[in-house]
Amino acid sequence: MKEFIEFIAKHLVDHPDNVTLEEVTPDDKTVELTLKVGADDVGKVIGKQGKTAQAMRTLLTAIAAKDGKRAILKILD
């Protein structure tokens, strides 16, 4: 899951070196991913009206559901 979201984020931004992704598991069934990008690239990851971020969350939810888990994606600015 982590590698997939990191791959997508690095291909969306102009400065892929500034992309960091942290994974936290508060319990057995939940995975929380926190995405940090450069200040110039936040808009590219979020997209118009949040559609890009929502698409990433939808894909993440589908991947997590295969493992029987719940996934949360946070994008920090």
Protein backbone atom coordinates (compact mmCIF):
# COMPACT_ATOMS: atom_id res chain seq x y z
CA MET A 1 0.00 0.00 0.00
CA LYS A 2 2.68 2.46 1.02
CA GLU A 3 4.75 1.89 -2.09
CA PHE A 4 1.72 2.30 -4.35
CA ILE A 5 0.68 5.68 -2.93
CA GLU A 6 4.30 6.85 -2.93
CA PHE A 7 4.63 5.85 -6.60
CA ILE A 8 1.50 7.81 -7.56
CA ALA A 9 2.53 10.88 -5.56
CA LYS A 10 6.05 10.97 -7.00
CA HIS A 11 4.67 10.92 -10.53
CA LEU A 12 2.21 13.74 -9.85
CA VAL A 13 4.67 16.29 -8.45
CA ASP A 14 7.49 18.36 -9.95
CA HIS A 15 9.91 17.57 -7.08
CA PRO A 16 9.65 13.84 -6.31
CA ASP A 17 12.58 14.02 -3.90
CA ASN A 18 10.41 15.99 -1.46
CA VAL A 19 7.77 13.25 -1.22
CA THR A 20 7.71 11.39 2.09
CA LEU A 21 5.15 8.89 3.28
CA GLU A 22 4.81 7.66 6.86
CA GLU A 23 2.82 4.58 7.80
CA VAL A 24 1.27 4.12 11.24
CA THR A 25 -0.87 1.21 12.39
CA PRO A 26 -2.98 2.31 15.38
CA ASP A 27 -4.56 -1.16 15.58
CA ASP A 28 -4.58 -4.44 13.65
CA LYS A 29 -7.31 -3.44 11.21
CA THR A 30 -6.29 0.18 10.47
CA VAL A 31 -3.43 1.64 8.44
CA GLU A 32 -2.85 5.38 8.53
CA LEU A 33 -0.67 6.93 5.81
CA THR A 34 0.58 10.51 6.06
CA LEU A 35 1.80 12.06 2.80
CA LYS A 36 4.10 15.08 2.81
CA VAL A 37 5.09 16.91 -0.38
CA GLY A 38 6.83 20.19 -1.12
CA ALA A 39 4.86 23.40 -0.67
CA ASP A 40 4.76 23.96 -4.45
CA ASP A 41 3.33 20.50 -5.11
CA VAL A 42 0.46 20.31 -2.62
CA GLY A 43 -2.07 21.52 -5.18
CA LYS A 44 -0.99 18.89 -7.69
CA VAL A 45 -1.52 16.08 -5.20
CA ILE A 46 -4.89 17.40 -4.02
CA GLY A 47 -6.16 18.31 -7.50
CA LYS A 48 -9.11 20.45 -8.52
CA GLN A 49 -11.82 20.26 -5.88
CA GLY A 50 -9.85 17.44 -4.21
CA LYS A 51 -10.56 14.95 -6.97
CA THR A 52 -7.00 13.62 -7.26
CA ALA A 53 -6.73 13.11 -3.51
CA GLN A 54 -10.13 11.40 -3.47
CA ALA A 55 -9.08 9.08 -6.28
CA MET A 56 -5.92 8.14 -4.35
CA ARG A 57 -8.03 7.44 -1.25
CA THR A 58 -10.43 5.28 -3.28
CA LEU A 59 -7.57 3.19 -4.67
CA LEU A 60 -6.03 2.89 -1.22
CA THR A 61 -9.35 1.76 0.25
CA ALA A 62 -9.67 -0.94 -2.41
CA ILE A 63 -6.15 -2.24 -1.77
CA ALA A 64 -6.67 -2.26 2.00
CA ALA A 65 -10.02 -4.05 1.68
CA LYS A 66 -8.28 -6.97 -0.03
CA ASP A 67 -6.27 -7.44 3.18
CA GLY A 68 -9.32 -6.92 5.38
CA LYS A 69 -8.04 -3.56 6.65
CA ARG A 70 -9.16 0.05 6.69
CA ALA A 71 -6.84 2.69 5.24
CA ILE A 72 -6.68 6.42 5.95
CA LEU A 73 -4.70 8.86 3.80
CA LYS A 74 -3.75 12.24 5.24
CA ILE A 75 -2.10 14.88 3.06
CA LEU A 76 -0.12 17.48 4.97
CA ASP A 77 0.53 20.95 3.59
